[in-house]
Amino acid sequence: MNKGDLVDKVAEKADVTKKQADAVISAALETIMEAVADGQKVTLVGFGSFEPRQRKAREGLNPKTKTKILIPATTVPAFSAGKLFKEKVAPPKEETA
């Protein structure tokens, strides 16, 4: 599913125009990106959390020359799925006695 497909589904479910759905989705995604870029954690209960994570500097290998290189420390965006999202994707297995 791409953004266009998502806009179509949201417009249908929320009974709004595709233009309105696109504006809301774009604004929501932009707001999440701005917050995470500012170092904040964004939590959508049941869906998941977006947050910045620190990666330590580490040694890597140049695949062409096989020489060691230093990969600098950096901040990356991260997503952790919430409980309801995880259960929707992989429902818990019932235990048999």
C-alpha atoms as a PDB file:
ATOM      1  CA  MET A   1       0.000   0.000   0.000  1.00  0.00           C
ATOM      2  CA  ASN A   2       1.353   3.426  -0.893  1.00  0.00           C
ATOM      3  CA  LYS A   3       0.253   6.878   0.260  1.00  0.00           C
ATOM      4  CA  GLY A   4      -2.349   7.168  -2.501  1.00  0.00           C
ATOM      5  CA  ASP A   5      -3.934   3.876  -1.454  1.00  0.00           C
ATOM      6  CA  LEU A   6      -3.893   4.986   2.189  1.00  0.00           C
ATOM      7  CA  VAL A   7      -5.569   8.293   1.284  1.00  0.00           C
ATOM      8  CA  ASP A   8      -8.290   6.395  -0.610  1.00  0.00           C
ATOM      9  CA  LYS A   9      -8.975   4.049   2.332  1.00  0.00           C
ATOM     10  CA  VAL A  10      -8.999   6.853   4.932  1.00  0.00           C
ATOM     11  CA  ALA A  11     -11.310   8.984   2.776  1.00  0.00           C
ATOM     12  CA  GLU A  12     -13.675   6.033   2.446  1.00  0.00           C
ATOM     13  CA  LYS A  13     -13.626   5.090   6.156  1.00  0.00           C
ATOM     14  CA  ALA A  14     -13.905   8.675   7.445  1.00  0.00           C
ATOM     15  CA  ASP A  15     -16.462   9.684   4.786  1.00  0.00           C
ATOM     16  CA  VAL A  16     -14.412  12.696   3.667  1.00  0.00           C
ATOM     17  CA  THR A  17     -13.004  13.739   0.300  1.00  0.00           C
ATOM     18  CA  LYS A  18      -9.669  12.360  -0.879  1.00  0.00           C
ATOM     19  CA  LYS A  19      -8.279  15.902  -0.786  1.00  0.00           C
ATOM     20  CA  GLN A  20      -9.251  16.295   2.876  1.00  0.00           C
ATOM     21  CA  ALA A  21      -7.869  12.858   3.779  1.00  0.00           C
ATOM     22  CA  ASP A  22      -4.579  13.651   1.996  1.00  0.00           C
ATOM     23  CA  ALA A  23      -4.275  16.964   3.854  1.00  0.00           C
ATOM     24  CA  VAL A  24      -4.865  15.312   7.247  1.00  0.00           C
ATOM     25  CA  ILE A  25      -2.485  12.392   6.592  1.00  0.00           C
ATOM     26  CA  SER A  26       0.231  14.726   5.279  1.00  0.00           C
ATOM     27  CA  ALA A  27      -0.144  17.053   8.276  1.00  0.00           C
ATOM     28  CA  ALA A  28      -0.034  14.139  10.736  1.00  0.00           C
ATOM     29  CA  LEU A  29       3.078  12.607   9.172  1.00  0.00           C
ATOM     30  CA  GLU A  30       4.825  15.980   8.957  1.00  0.00           C
ATOM     31  CA  THR A  31       4.026  16.709  12.616  1.00  0.00           C
ATOM     32  CA  ILE A  32       5.391  13.307  13.705  1.00  0.00           C
ATOM     33  CA  MET A  33       8.592  13.825  11.683  1.00  0.00           C
ATOM     34  CA  GLU A  34       9.111  17.315  13.124  1.00  0.00           C
ATOM     35  CA  ALA A  35       8.592  16.109  16.700  1.00  0.00           C
ATOM     36  CA  VAL A  36      11.013  13.176  16.319  1.00  0.00           C
ATOM     37  CA  ALA A  37      13.548  15.456  14.608  1.00  0.00           C
ATOM     38  CA  ASP A  38      13.295  17.746  17.676  1.00  0.00           C
ATOM     39  CA  GLY A  39      14.139  14.804  19.944  1.00  0.00           C
ATOM     40  CA  GLN A  40      10.604  14.079  21.139  1.00  0.00           C
ATOM     41  CA  LYS A  41       8.850  10.723  21.418  1.00  0.00           C
ATOM     42  CA  VAL A  42       5.425  10.482  19.763  1.00  0.00           C
ATOM     43  CA  THR A  43       3.143   7.801  21.209  1.00  0.00           C
ATOM     44  CA  LEU A  44      -0.105   6.758  19.555  1.00  0.00           C
ATOM     45  CA  VAL A  45      -1.717   4.403  22.077  1.00  0.00           C
ATOM     46  CA  GLY A  46      -2.461   1.025  20.523  1.00  0.00           C
ATOM     47  CA  PHE A  47      -0.562   1.876  17.330  1.00  0.00           C
ATOM     48  CA  GLY A  48       2.990   2.502  18.474  1.00  0.00           C
ATOM     49  CA  SER A  49       5.725   5.005  19.241  1.00  0.00           C
ATOM     50  CA  PHE A  50       8.084   7.007  17.076  1.00  0.00           C
ATOM     51  CA  GLU A  51      11.310   8.233  18.662  1.00  0.00           C
ATOM     52  CA  PRO A  52      14.860   9.265  17.873  1.00  0.00           C
ATOM     53  CA  ARG A  53      17.531   6.708  18.793  1.00  0.00           C
ATOM     54  CA  GLN A  54      21.265   7.182  19.131  1.00  0.00           C
ATOM     55  CA  ARG A  55      23.598   4.872  17.250  1.00  0.00           C
ATOM     56  CA  LYS A  56      27.126   4.620  18.586  1.00  0.00           C
ATOM     57  CA  ALA A  57      30.149   5.067  16.364  1.00  0.00           C
ATOM     58  CA  ARG A  58      31.365   1.730  15.089  1.00  0.00           C
ATOM     59  CA  GLU A  59      33.845   0.113  12.774  1.00  0.00           C
ATOM     60  CA  GLY A  60      32.622  -1.033   9.377  1.00  0.00           C
ATOM     61  CA  LEU A  61      34.066  -2.644   6.294  1.00  0.00           C
ATOM     62  CA  ASN A  62      34.236  -1.034   2.864  1.00  0.00           C
ATOM     63  CA  PRO A  63      32.710  -3.755   0.669  1.00  0.00           C
ATOM     64  CA  LYS A  64      34.832  -2.820  -2.371  1.00  0.00           C
ATOM     65  CA  THR A  65      38.263  -2.484  -0.803  1.00  0.00           C
ATOM     66  CA  LYS A  66      37.682  -4.570   2.352  1.00  0.00           C
ATOM     67  CA  THR A  67      39.384  -1.828   4.392  1.00  0.00           C
ATOM     68  CA  LYS A  68      38.094  -0.892   7.822  1.00  0.00           C
ATOM     69  CA  ILE A  69      36.286   2.432   8.095  1.00  0.00           C
ATOM     70  CA  LEU A  70      34.855   4.345  11.051  1.00  0.00           C
ATOM     71  CA  ILE A  71      31.103   4.848  10.882  1.00  0.00           C
ATOM     72  CA  PRO A  72      30.295   7.955  12.962  1.00  0.00           C
ATOM     73  CA  ALA A  73      27.642   8.105  15.692  1.00  0.00           C
ATOM     74  CA  THR A  74      24.274   9.262  14.434  1.00  0.00           C
ATOM     75  CA  THR A  75      20.638   9.718  15.399  1.00  0.00           C
ATOM     76  CA  VAL A  76      18.046   7.627  13.554  1.00  0.00           C
ATOM     77  CA  PRO A  77      14.249   7.529  13.661  1.00  0.00           C
ATOM     78  CA  ALA A  78      12.760   4.385  15.227  1.00  0.00           C
ATOM     79  CA  PHE A  79       9.278   2.899  15.464  1.00  0.00           C
ATOM     80  CA  SER A  80       8.028   0.439  18.072  1.00  0.00           C
ATOM     81  CA  ALA A  81       4.659  -1.184  17.392  1.00  0.00           C
ATOM     82  CA  GLY A  82       2.058  -1.013  20.160  1.00  0.00           C
ATOM     83  CA  LYS A  83       0.338  -4.023  21.704  1.00  0.00           C
ATOM     84  CA  LEU A  84      -2.879  -3.732  19.657  1.00  0.00           C
ATOM     85  CA  PHE A  85      -0.900  -3.347  16.419  1.00  0.00           C
ATOM     86  CA  LYS A  86       1.231  -6.398  17.217  1.00  0.00           C
ATOM     87  CA  GLU A  87      -1.861  -8.447  18.068  1.00  0.00           C
ATOM     88  CA  LYS A  88      -3.570  -7.382  14.823  1.00  0.00           C
ATOM     89  CA  VAL A  89      -0.564  -8.517  12.771  1.00  0.00           C
ATOM     90  CA  ALA A  90       0.113 -11.709  14.748  1.00  0.00           C
ATOM     91  CA  PRO A  91      -2.803 -12.729  16.975  1.00  0.00           C
ATOM     92  CA  PRO A  92      -1.669 -14.461  20.169  1.00  0.00           C
ATOM     93  CA  LYS A  93      -1.758 -18.237  19.974  1.00  0.00           C
ATOM     94  CA  GLU A  94      -4.178 -19.967  22.319  1.00  0.00           C
ATOM     95  CA  GLU A  95      -2.461 -22.285  24.728  1.00  0.00           C
ATOM     96  CA  THR A  96      -3.679 -25.846  24.788  1.00  0.00           C
ATOM     97  CA  ALA A  97      -3.798 -27.750  28.054  1.00  0.00           C
END
